[in-house]
mmCIF file of all heavy atoms, coordinates in Angstrom:
data_MODEL
# 
_entry.id   MODEL 
# 
loop_
_atom_site.group_PDB 
_atom_site.id 
_atom_site.type_symbol 
_atom_site.label_atom_id 
_atom_site.label_alt_id 
_atom_site.label_comp_id 
_atom_site.label_asym_id 
_atom_site.label_entity_id 
_atom_site.label_seq_id 
_atom_site.pdbx_PDB_ins_code 
_atom_site.Cartn_x 
_atom_site.Cartn_y 
_atom_site.Cartn_z 
_atom_site.occupancy 
_atom_site.B_iso_or_equiv 
_atom_site.pdbx_formal_charge 
_atom_site.auth_seq_id 
_atom_site.auth_comp_id 
_atom_site.auth_asym_id 
_atom_site.auth_atom_id 
_atom_site.pdbx_PDB_model_num 
ATOM 1   N N   . TRP A 1 1  ? -9.160  -9.462  -8.228  1.00 0.00 ? 1  TRP A N   1 
ATOM 2   C CA  . TRP A 1 1  ? -9.230  -9.136  -9.661  1.00 0.00 ? 1  TRP A CA  1 
ATOM 3   C C   . TRP A 1 1  ? -9.730  -10.328 -10.479 1.00 0.00 ? 1  TRP A C   1 
ATOM 4   O O   . TRP A 1 1  ? -9.320  -11.452 -10.239 1.00 0.00 ? 1  TRP A O   1 
ATOM 5   C CB  . TRP A 1 1  ? -7.856  -8.637  -10.141 1.00 0.00 ? 1  TRP A CB  1 
ATOM 6   C CG  . TRP A 1 1  ? -7.610  -7.253  -9.813  1.00 0.00 ? 1  TRP A CG  1 
ATOM 7   C CD1 . TRP A 1 1  ? -8.522  -6.325  -9.480  1.00 0.00 ? 1  TRP A CD1 1 
ATOM 8   C CD2 . TRP A 1 1  ? -6.359  -6.611  -9.831  1.00 0.00 ? 1  TRP A CD2 1 
ATOM 9   N NE1 . TRP A 1 1  ? -7.926  -5.040  -9.213  1.00 0.00 ? 1  TRP A NE1 1 
ATOM 10  C CE2 . TRP A 1 1  ? -6.590  -5.187  -9.404  1.00 0.00 ? 1  TRP A CE2 1 
ATOM 11  C CE3 . TRP A 1 1  ? -4.990  -6.930  -10.109 1.00 0.00 ? 1  TRP A CE3 1 
ATOM 12  C CZ2 . TRP A 1 1  ? -5.553  -4.308  -9.331  1.00 0.00 ? 1  TRP A CZ2 1 
ATOM 13  C CZ3 . TRP A 1 1  ? -4.047  -6.004  -9.986  1.00 0.00 ? 1  TRP A CZ3 1 
ATOM 14  C CH2 . TRP A 1 1  ? -4.284  -4.739  -9.628  1.00 0.00 ? 1  TRP A CH2 1 
ATOM 15  N N   . GLY A 1 2  ? -10.532 -10.029 -11.417 1.00 0.00 ? 2  GLY A N   1 
ATOM 16  C CA  . GLY A 1 2  ? -11.053 -11.005 -12.365 1.00 0.00 ? 2  GLY A CA  1 
ATOM 17  C C   . GLY A 1 2  ? -12.184 -11.921 -11.868 1.00 0.00 ? 2  GLY A C   1 
ATOM 18  O O   . GLY A 1 2  ? -12.624 -12.779 -12.596 1.00 0.00 ? 2  GLY A O   1 
ATOM 19  N N   . VAL A 1 3  ? -12.643 -11.610 -10.678 1.00 0.00 ? 3  VAL A N   1 
ATOM 20  C CA  . VAL A 1 3  ? -13.745 -12.463 -10.148 1.00 0.00 ? 3  VAL A CA  1 
ATOM 21  C C   . VAL A 1 3  ? -15.055 -11.802 -10.571 1.00 0.00 ? 3  VAL A C   1 
ATOM 22  O O   . VAL A 1 3  ? -15.261 -10.605 -10.395 1.00 0.00 ? 3  VAL A O   1 
ATOM 23  C CB  . VAL A 1 3  ? -13.650 -12.460 -8.544  1.00 0.00 ? 3  VAL A CB  1 
ATOM 24  C CG1 . VAL A 1 3  ? -14.867 -13.171 -7.998  1.00 0.00 ? 3  VAL A CG1 1 
ATOM 25  C CG2 . VAL A 1 3  ? -12.388 -13.101 -8.116  1.00 0.00 ? 3  VAL A CG2 1 
ATOM 26  N N   . ARG A 1 4  ? -15.932 -12.595 -11.153 1.00 0.00 ? 4  ARG A N   1 
ATOM 27  C CA  . ARG A 1 4  ? -17.173 -12.115 -11.709 1.00 0.00 ? 4  ARG A CA  1 
ATOM 28  C C   . ARG A 1 4  ? -18.127 -11.817 -10.527 1.00 0.00 ? 4  ARG A C   1 
ATOM 29  O O   . ARG A 1 4  ? -18.007 -12.376 -9.395  1.00 0.00 ? 4  ARG A O   1 
ATOM 30  C CB  . ARG A 1 4  ? -17.838 -13.209 -12.577 1.00 0.00 ? 4  ARG A CB  1 
ATOM 31  C CG  . ARG A 1 4  ? -16.984 -13.546 -13.860 1.00 0.00 ? 4  ARG A CG  1 
ATOM 32  C CD  . ARG A 1 4  ? -17.676 -14.575 -14.718 1.00 0.00 ? 4  ARG A CD  1 
ATOM 33  N NE  . ARG A 1 4  ? -16.948 -14.859 -15.892 1.00 0.00 ? 4  ARG A NE  1 
ATOM 34  C CZ  . ARG A 1 4  ? -17.252 -15.818 -16.723 1.00 0.00 ? 4  ARG A CZ  1 
ATOM 35  N NH1 . ARG A 1 4  ? -18.411 -16.517 -16.517 1.00 0.00 ? 4  ARG A NH1 1 
ATOM 36  N NH2 . ARG A 1 4  ? -16.511 -16.037 -17.791 1.00 0.00 ? 4  ARG A NH2 1 
ATOM 37  N N   . ASN A 1 5  ? -19.101 -10.919 -10.804 1.00 0.00 ? 5  ASN A N   1 
ATOM 38  C CA  . ASN A 1 5  ? -20.146 -10.581 -9.850  1.00 0.00 ? 5  ASN A CA  1 
ATOM 39  C C   . ASN A 1 5  ? -19.511 -10.091 -8.543  1.00 0.00 ? 5  ASN A C   1 
ATOM 40  O O   . ASN A 1 5  ? -20.052 -10.395 -7.407  1.00 0.00 ? 5  ASN A O   1 
ATOM 41  C CB  . ASN A 1 5  ? -21.082 -11.761 -9.619  1.00 0.00 ? 5  ASN A CB  1 
ATOM 42  C CG  . ASN A 1 5  ? -21.788 -12.213 -10.894 1.00 0.00 ? 5  ASN A CG  1 
ATOM 43  O OD1 . ASN A 1 5  ? -22.191 -11.348 -11.703 1.00 0.00 ? 5  ASN A OD1 1 
ATOM 44  N ND2 . ASN A 1 5  ? -21.871 -13.525 -11.032 1.00 0.00 ? 5  ASN A ND2 1 
ATOM 45  N N   . ARG A 1 6  ? -18.520 -9.311  -8.606  1.00 0.00 ? 6  ARG A N   1 
ATOM 46  C CA  . ARG A 1 6  ? -17.797 -8.808  -7.488  1.00 0.00 ? 6  ARG A CA  1 
ATOM 47  C C   . ARG A 1 6  ? -18.567 -7.707  -6.824  1.00 0.00 ? 6  ARG A C   1 
ATOM 48  O O   . ARG A 1 6  ? -19.011 -6.767  -7.550  1.00 0.00 ? 6  ARG A O   1 
ATOM 49  C CB  . ARG A 1 6  ? -16.403 -8.305  -7.915  1.00 0.00 ? 6  ARG A CB  1 
ATOM 50  C CG  . ARG A 1 6  ? -15.531 -7.809  -6.777  1.00 0.00 ? 6  ARG A CG  1 
ATOM 51  C CD  . ARG A 1 6  ? -14.139 -7.445  -7.316  1.00 0.00 ? 6  ARG A CD  1 
ATOM 52  N NE  . ARG A 1 6  ? -14.204 -6.298  -8.190  1.00 0.00 ? 6  ARG A NE  1 
ATOM 53  C CZ  . ARG A 1 6  ? -13.328 -6.026  -9.160  1.00 0.00 ? 6  ARG A CZ  1 
ATOM 54  N NH1 . ARG A 1 6  ? -12.332 -6.871  -9.356  1.00 0.00 ? 6  ARG A NH1 1 
ATOM 55  N NH2 . ARG A 1 6  ? -13.426 -4.960  -9.869  1.00 0.00 ? 6  ARG A NH2 1 
ATOM 56  N N   . PRO A 1 7  ? -18.734 -7.760  -5.505  1.00 0.00 ? 7  PRO A N   1 
ATOM 57  C CA  . PRO A 1 7  ? -19.453 -6.657  -4.807  1.00 0.00 ? 7  PRO A CA  1 
ATOM 58  C C   . PRO A 1 7  ? -18.490 -5.411  -4.817  1.00 0.00 ? 7  PRO A C   1 
ATOM 59  O O   . PRO A 1 7  ? -17.320 -5.536  -5.127  1.00 0.00 ? 7  PRO A O   1 
ATOM 60  C CB  . PRO A 1 7  ? -19.687 -7.100  -3.412  1.00 0.00 ? 7  PRO A CB  1 
ATOM 61  C CG  . PRO A 1 7  ? -18.635 -8.158  -3.170  1.00 0.00 ? 7  PRO A CG  1 
ATOM 62  C CD  . PRO A 1 7  ? -18.408 -8.827  -4.548  1.00 0.00 ? 7  PRO A CD  1 
ATOM 63  N N   . PRO A 1 8  ? -19.036 -4.211  -4.497  1.00 0.00 ? 8  PRO A N   1 
ATOM 64  C CA  . PRO A 1 8  ? -18.104 -3.038  -4.378  1.00 0.00 ? 8  PRO A CA  1 
ATOM 65  C C   . PRO A 1 8  ? -16.888 -3.438  -3.505  1.00 0.00 ? 8  PRO A C   1 
ATOM 66  O O   . PRO A 1 8  ? -17.058 -3.946  -2.436  1.00 0.00 ? 8  PRO A O   1 
ATOM 67  C CB  . PRO A 1 8  ? -18.983 -1.971  -3.717  1.00 0.00 ? 8  PRO A CB  1 
ATOM 68  C CG  . PRO A 1 8  ? -20.375 -2.401  -4.099  1.00 0.00 ? 8  PRO A CG  1 
ATOM 69  C CD  . PRO A 1 8  ? -20.383 -3.917  -4.178  1.00 0.00 ? 8  PRO A CD  1 
ATOM 70  N N   . THR A 1 9  ? -15.726 -3.214  -4.042  1.00 0.00 ? 9  THR A N   1 
ATOM 71  C CA  . THR A 1 9  ? -14.475 -3.566  -3.288  1.00 0.00 ? 9  THR A CA  1 
ATOM 72  C C   . THR A 1 9  ? -13.559 -2.393  -3.146  1.00 0.00 ? 9  THR A C   1 
ATOM 73  O O   . THR A 1 9  ? -13.410 -1.584  -4.072  1.00 0.00 ? 9  THR A O   1 
ATOM 74  C CB  . THR A 1 9  ? -13.748 -4.711  -4.170  1.00 0.00 ? 9  THR A CB  1 
ATOM 75  O OG1 . THR A 1 9  ? -14.656 -5.799  -4.344  1.00 0.00 ? 9  THR A OG1 1 
ATOM 76  C CG2 . THR A 1 9  ? -12.513 -5.178  -3.422  1.00 0.00 ? 9  THR A CG2 1 
ATOM 77  N N   . ILE A 1 10 ? -13.050 -2.253  -1.926  1.00 0.00 ? 10 ILE A N   1 
ATOM 78  C CA  . ILE A 1 10 ? -12.265 -1.071  -1.513  1.00 0.00 ? 10 ILE A CA  1 
ATOM 79  C C   . ILE A 1 10 ? -10.907 -1.551  -1.123  1.00 0.00 ? 10 ILE A C   1 
ATOM 80  O O   . ILE A 1 10 ? -10.729 -2.545  -0.376  1.00 0.00 ? 10 ILE A O   1 
ATOM 81  C CB  . ILE A 1 10 ? -12.944 -0.348  -0.342  1.00 0.00 ? 10 ILE A CB  1 
ATOM 82  C CG1 . ILE A 1 10 ? -14.339 0.005   -0.656  1.00 0.00 ? 10 ILE A CG1 1 
ATOM 83  C CG2 . ILE A 1 10 ? -12.101 0.880   0.102   1.00 0.00 ? 10 ILE A CG2 1 
ATOM 84  C CD1 . ILE A 1 10 ? -15.196 0.178   0.538   1.00 0.00 ? 10 ILE A CD1 1 
ATOM 85  N N   . TRP A 1 11 ? -9.873  -0.812  -1.581  1.00 0.00 ? 11 TRP A N   1 
ATOM 86  C CA  . TRP A 1 11 ? -8.506  -1.104  -1.087  1.00 0.00 ? 11 TRP A CA  1 
ATOM 87  C C   . TRP A 1 11 ? -8.104  0.112   -0.227  1.00 0.00 ? 11 TRP A C   1 
ATOM 88  O O   . TRP A 1 11 ? -8.152  1.230   -0.665  1.00 0.00 ? 11 TRP A O   1 
ATOM 89  C CB  . TRP A 1 11 ? -7.584  -1.171  -2.242  1.00 0.00 ? 11 TRP A CB  1 
ATOM 90  C CG  . TRP A 1 11 ? -6.091  -1.316  -1.824  1.00 0.00 ? 11 TRP A CG  1 
ATOM 91  C CD1 . TRP A 1 11 ? -5.653  -1.897  -0.771  1.00 0.00 ? 11 TRP A CD1 1 
ATOM 92  C CD2 . TRP A 1 11 ? -4.907  -0.943  -2.609  1.00 0.00 ? 11 TRP A CD2 1 
ATOM 93  N NE1 . TRP A 1 11 ? -4.233  -1.907  -0.738  1.00 0.00 ? 11 TRP A NE1 1 
ATOM 94  C CE2 . TRP A 1 11 ? -3.821  -1.292  -1.871  1.00 0.00 ? 11 TRP A CE2 1 
ATOM 95  C CE3 . TRP A 1 11 ? -4.777  -0.266  -3.813  1.00 0.00 ? 11 TRP A CE3 1 
ATOM 96  C CZ2 . TRP A 1 11 ? -2.493  -0.997  -2.277  1.00 0.00 ? 11 TRP A CZ2 1 
ATOM 97  C CZ3 . TRP A 1 11 ? -3.504  0.018   -4.282  1.00 0.00 ? 11 TRP A CZ3 1 
ATOM 98  C CH2 . TRP A 1 11 ? -2.342  -0.361  -3.532  1.00 0.00 ? 11 TRP A CH2 1 
ATOM 99  N N   . ASP A 1 12 ? -7.765  -0.178  1.014   1.00 0.00 ? 12 ASP A N   1 
ATOM 100 C CA  . ASP A 1 12 ? -7.294  0.813   1.931   1.00 0.00 ? 12 ASP A CA  1 
ATOM 101 C C   . ASP A 1 12 ? -5.809  0.872   1.810   1.00 0.00 ? 12 ASP A C   1 
ATOM 102 O O   . ASP A 1 12 ? -5.072  -0.054  2.238   1.00 0.00 ? 12 ASP A O   1 
ATOM 103 C CB  . ASP A 1 12 ? -7.706  0.438   3.430   1.00 0.00 ? 12 ASP A CB  1 
ATOM 104 C CG  . ASP A 1 12 ? -7.336  1.485   4.458   1.00 0.00 ? 12 ASP A CG  1 
ATOM 105 O OD1 . ASP A 1 12 ? -7.139  2.617   3.922   1.00 0.00 ? 12 ASP A OD1 1 
ATOM 106 O OD2 . ASP A 1 12 ? -7.348  1.194   5.591   1.00 0.00 ? 12 ASP A OD2 1 
ATOM 107 N N   . VAL A 1 13 ? -5.256  2.023   1.320   1.00 0.00 ? 13 VAL A N   1 
ATOM 108 C CA  . VAL A 1 13 ? -3.872  2.206   1.021   1.00 0.00 ? 13 VAL A CA  1 
ATOM 109 C C   . VAL A 1 13 ? -3.168  2.660   2.358   1.00 0.00 ? 13 VAL A C   1 
ATOM 110 O O   . VAL A 1 13 ? -3.355  3.830   2.712   1.00 0.00 ? 13 VAL A O   1 
ATOM 111 C CB  . VAL A 1 13 ? -3.583  3.145   -0.094  1.00 0.00 ? 13 VAL A CB  1 
ATOM 112 C CG1 . VAL A 1 13 ? -2.148  3.262   -0.452  1.00 0.00 ? 13 VAL A CG1 1 
ATOM 113 C CG2 . VAL A 1 13 ? -4.366  2.692   -1.413  1.00 0.00 ? 13 VAL A CG2 1 
ATOM 114 N N   . HIS A 1 14 ? -2.400  1.822   2.949   1.00 0.00 ? 14 HIS A N   1 
ATOM 115 C CA  . HIS A 1 14 ? -1.758  2.111   4.227   1.00 0.00 ? 14 HIS A CA  1 
ATOM 116 C C   . HIS A 1 14 ? -0.477  2.885   4.158   1.00 0.00 ? 14 HIS A C   1 
ATOM 117 O O   . HIS A 1 14 ? -0.023  3.471   5.146   1.00 0.00 ? 14 HIS A O   1 
ATOM 118 C CB  . HIS A 1 14 ? -1.514  0.855   5.016   1.00 0.00 ? 14 HIS A CB  1 
ATOM 119 C CG  . HIS A 1 14 ? -2.763  0.183   5.604   1.00 0.00 ? 14 HIS A CG  1 
ATOM 120 N ND1 . HIS A 1 14 ? -2.858  -0.318  6.863   1.00 0.00 ? 14 HIS A ND1 1 
ATOM 121 C CD2 . HIS A 1 14 ? -3.940  -0.125  5.018   1.00 0.00 ? 14 HIS A CD2 1 
ATOM 122 C CE1 . HIS A 1 14 ? -4.001  -0.808  7.054   1.00 0.00 ? 14 HIS A CE1 1 
ATOM 123 N NE2 . HIS A 1 14 ? -4.694  -0.756  5.972   1.00 0.00 ? 14 HIS A NE2 1 
ATOM 124 N N   . GLU A 1 15 ? 0.279   2.682   3.051   1.00 0.00 ? 15 GLU A N   1 
ATOM 125 C CA  . GLU A 1 15 ? 1.654   3.240   3.005   1.00 0.00 ? 15 GLU A CA  1 
ATOM 126 C C   . GLU A 1 15 ? 2.035   3.549   1.583   1.00 0.00 ? 15 GLU A C   1 
ATOM 127 O O   . GLU A 1 15 ? 1.280   3.339   0.632   1.00 0.00 ? 15 GLU A O   1 
ATOM 128 C CB  . GLU A 1 15 ? 2.601   2.219   3.625   1.00 0.00 ? 15 GLU A CB  1 
ATOM 129 C CG  . GLU A 1 15 ? 2.737   0.907   2.808   1.00 0.00 ? 15 GLU A CG  1 
ATOM 130 C CD  . GLU A 1 15 ? 3.720   -0.121  3.469   1.00 0.00 ? 15 GLU A CD  1 
ATOM 131 O OE1 . GLU A 1 15 ? 4.416   0.349   4.386   1.00 0.00 ? 15 GLU A OE1 1 
ATOM 132 O OE2 . GLU A 1 15 ? 3.785   -1.222  2.966   1.00 0.00 ? 15 GLU A OE2 1 
ATOM 133 N N   . ASP A 1 16 ? 3.251   4.169   1.474   1.00 0.00 ? 16 ASP A N   1 
ATOM 134 C CA  . ASP A 1 16 ? 3.814   4.425   0.154   1.00 0.00 ? 16 ASP A CA  1 
ATOM 135 C C   . ASP A 1 16 ? 4.313   3.167   -0.312  1.00 0.00 ? 16 ASP A C   1 
ATOM 136 O O   . ASP A 1 16 ? 5.507   2.805   -0.126  1.00 0.00 ? 16 ASP A O   1 
ATOM 137 C CB  . ASP A 1 16 ? 4.815   5.500   0.264   1.00 0.00 ? 16 ASP A CB  1 
ATOM 138 C CG  . ASP A 1 16 ? 5.400   5.953   -1.077  1.00 0.00 ? 16 ASP A CG  1 
ATOM 139 O OD1 . ASP A 1 16 ? 5.314   5.165   -2.053  1.00 0.00 ? 16 ASP A OD1 1 
ATOM 140 O OD2 . ASP A 1 16 ? 5.989   7.076   -1.148  1.00 0.00 ? 16 ASP A OD2 1 
ATOM 141 N N   . ASN A 1 17 ? 3.564   2.324   -1.004  1.00 0.00 ? 17 ASN A N   1 
ATOM 142 C CA  . ASN A 1 17 ? 3.976   0.942   -1.414  1.00 0.00 ? 17 ASN A CA  1 
ATOM 143 C C   . ASN A 1 17 ? 5.202   0.861   -2.245  1.00 0.00 ? 17 ASN A C   1 
ATOM 144 O O   . ASN A 1 17 ? 6.126   0.116   -2.026  1.00 0.00 ? 17 ASN A O   1 
ATOM 145 C CB  . ASN A 1 17 ? 2.798   0.276   -2.058  1.00 0.00 ? 17 ASN A CB  1 
ATOM 146 C CG  . ASN A 1 17 ? 1.661   0.031   -1.099  1.00 0.00 ? 17 ASN A CG  1 
ATOM 147 O OD1 . ASN A 1 17 ? 1.792   -0.761  -0.150  1.00 0.00 ? 17 ASN A OD1 1 
ATOM 148 N ND2 . ASN A 1 17 ? 0.542   0.714   -1.307  1.00 0.00 ? 17 ASN A ND2 1 
ATOM 149 N N   . PRO A 1 18 ? 5.377   1.728   -3.310  1.00 0.00 ? 18 PRO A N   1 
ATOM 150 C CA  . PRO A 1 18 ? 6.599   1.675   -4.099  1.00 0.00 ? 18 PRO A CA  1 
ATOM 151 C C   . PRO A 1 18 ? 7.819   1.997   -3.237  1.00 0.00 ? 18 PRO A C   1 
ATOM 152 O O   . PRO A 1 18 ? 8.820   1.275   -3.273  1.00 0.00 ? 18 PRO A O   1 
ATOM 153 C CB  . PRO A 1 18 ? 6.385   2.742   -5.236  1.00 0.00 ? 18 PRO A CB  1 
ATOM 154 C CG  . PRO A 1 18 ? 4.955   2.815   -5.332  1.00 0.00 ? 18 PRO A CG  1 
ATOM 155 C CD  . PRO A 1 18 ? 4.327   2.646   -3.921  1.00 0.00 ? 18 PRO A CD  1 
ATOM 156 N N   . ALA A 1 19 ? 7.782   3.012   -2.388  1.00 0.00 ? 19 ALA A N   1 
ATOM 157 C CA  . ALA A 1 19 ? 8.914   3.351   -1.587  1.00 0.00 ? 19 ALA A CA  1 
ATOM 158 C C   . ALA A 1 19 ? 9.204   2.259   -0.517  1.00 0.00 ? 19 ALA A C   1 
ATOM 159 O O   . ALA A 1 19 ? 10.342  2.117   -0.125  1.00 0.00 ? 19 ALA A O   1 
ATOM 160 C CB  . ALA A 1 19 ? 8.639   4.701   -0.855  1.00 0.00 ? 19 ALA A CB  1 
ATOM 161 N N   . ALA A 1 20 ? 8.163   1.572   -0.059  1.00 0.00 ? 20 ALA A N   1 
ATOM 162 C CA  . ALA A 1 20 ? 8.367   0.572   0.937   1.00 0.00 ? 20 ALA A CA  1 
ATOM 163 C C   . ALA A 1 20 ? 9.214   -0.661  0.476   1.00 0.00 ? 20 ALA A C   1 
ATOM 164 O O   . ALA A 1 20 ? 9.743   -1.353  1.365   1.00 0.00 ? 20 ALA A O   1 
ATOM 165 C CB  . ALA A 1 20 ? 6.953   0.012   1.413   1.00 0.00 ? 20 ALA A CB  1 
ATOM 166 N N   . MET A 1 21 ? 9.406   -0.774  -0.825  1.00 0.00 ? 21 MET A N   1 
ATOM 167 C CA  . MET A 1 21 ? 10.220  -1.922  -1.350  1.00 0.00 ? 21 MET A CA  1 
ATOM 168 C C   . MET A 1 21 ? 11.601  -1.791  -0.849  1.00 0.00 ? 21 MET A C   1 
ATOM 169 O O   . MET A 1 21 ? 12.293  -2.843  -0.682  1.00 0.00 ? 21 MET A O   1 
ATOM 170 C CB  . MET A 1 21 ? 10.170  -1.942  -2.826  1.00 0.00 ? 21 MET A CB  1 
ATOM 171 C CG  . MET A 1 21 ? 8.862   -2.229  -3.528  1.00 0.00 ? 21 MET A CG  1 
ATOM 172 S SD  . MET A 1 21 ? 8.123   -3.801  -2.956  1.00 0.00 ? 21 MET A SD  1 
ATOM 173 C CE  . MET A 1 21 ? 6.868   -3.179  -1.807  1.00 0.00 ? 21 MET A CE  1 
ATOM 174 N N   . SER A 1 22 ? 12.152  -0.613  -0.517  1.00 0.00 ? 22 SER A N   1 
ATOM 175 C CA  . SER A 1 22 ? 13.511  -0.471  0.001   1.00 0.00 ? 22 SER A CA  1 
ATOM 176 C C   . SER A 1 22 ? 13.668  -1.010  1.392   1.00 0.00 ? 22 SER A C   1 
ATOM 177 O O   . SER A 1 22 ? 14.779  -1.265  1.870   1.00 0.00 ? 22 SER A O   1 
ATOM 178 C CB  . SER A 1 22 ? 13.931  0.988   -0.035  1.00 0.00 ? 22 SER A CB  1 
ATOM 179 O OG  . SER A 1 22 ? 13.177  1.732   0.845   1.00 0.00 ? 22 SER A OG  1 
ATOM 180 N N   . LEU A 1 23 ? 12.524  -1.307  2.072   1.00 0.00 ? 23 LEU A N   1 
ATOM 181 C CA  . LEU A 1 23 ? 12.561  -1.722  3.480   1.00 0.00 ? 23 LEU A CA  1 
ATOM 182 C C   . LEU A 1 23 ? 12.299  -3.231  3.603   1.00 0.00 ? 23 LEU A C   1 
ATOM 183 O O   . LEU A 1 23 ? 12.077  -3.720  4.715   1.00 0.00 ? 23 LEU A O   1 
ATOM 184 C CB  . LEU A 1 23 ? 11.531  -0.943  4.337   1.00 0.00 ? 23 LEU A CB  1 
ATOM 185 C CG  . LEU A 1 23 ? 11.746  0.583   4.294   1.00 0.00 ? 23 LEU A CG  1 
ATOM 186 C CD1 . LEU A 1 23 ? 10.607  1.249   5.089   1.00 0.00 ? 23 LEU A CD1 1 
ATOM 187 C CD2 . LEU A 1 23 ? 13.116  0.873   4.941   1.00 0.00 ? 23 LEU A CD2 1 
ATOM 188 N N   . LYS A 1 24 ? 12.182  -3.909  2.499   1.00 0.00 ? 24 LYS A N   1 
ATOM 189 C CA  . LYS A 1 24 ? 11.918  -5.367  2.560   1.00 0.00 ? 24 LYS A CA  1 
ATOM 190 C C   . LYS A 1 24 ? 13.218  -6.195  2.553   1.00 0.00 ? 24 LYS A C   1 
ATOM 191 O O   . LYS A 1 24 ? 13.797  -6.419  1.478   1.00 0.00 ? 24 LYS A O   1 
ATOM 192 C CB  . LYS A 1 24 ? 11.043  -5.829  1.333   1.00 0.00 ? 24 LYS A CB  1 
ATOM 193 C CG  . LYS A 1 24 ? 9.748   -4.939  1.091   1.00 0.00 ? 24 LYS A CG  1 
ATOM 194 C CD  . LYS A 1 24 ? 8.821   -5.053  2.280   1.00 0.00 ? 24 LYS A CD  1 
ATOM 195 C CE  . LYS A 1 24 ? 7.527   -4.322  1.994   1.00 0.00 ? 24 LYS A CE  1 
ATOM 196 N NZ  . LYS A 1 24 ? 6.576   -4.323  3.081   1.00 0.00 ? 24 LYS A NZ  1 
ATOM 197 N N   . PRO A 1 25 ? 13.708  -6.633  3.639   1.00 0.00 ? 25 PRO A N   1 
ATOM 198 C CA  . PRO A 1 25 ? 15.002  -7.365  3.670   1.00 0.00 ? 25 PRO A CA  1 
ATOM 199 C C   . PRO A 1 25 ? 14.996  -8.662  2.903   1.00 0.00 ? 25 PRO A C   1 
ATOM 200 O O   . PRO A 1 25 ? 16.031  -9.145  2.390   1.00 0.00 ? 25 PRO A O   1 
ATOM 201 C CB  . PRO A 1 25 ? 15.265  -7.564  5.165   1.00 0.00 ? 25 PRO A CB  1 
ATOM 202 C CG  . PRO A 1 25 ? 13.913  -7.500  5.842   1.00 0.00 ? 25 PRO A CG  1 
ATOM 203 C CD  . PRO A 1 25 ? 13.113  -6.509  4.996   1.00 0.00 ? 25 PRO A CD  1 
# 
């Protein structure tokens, strides 16, 4: 984020990130 002249950028969403917070010891 915030980097100029950024090429097309893709985020591969692997999991239910909000729900995964309960599994972070």
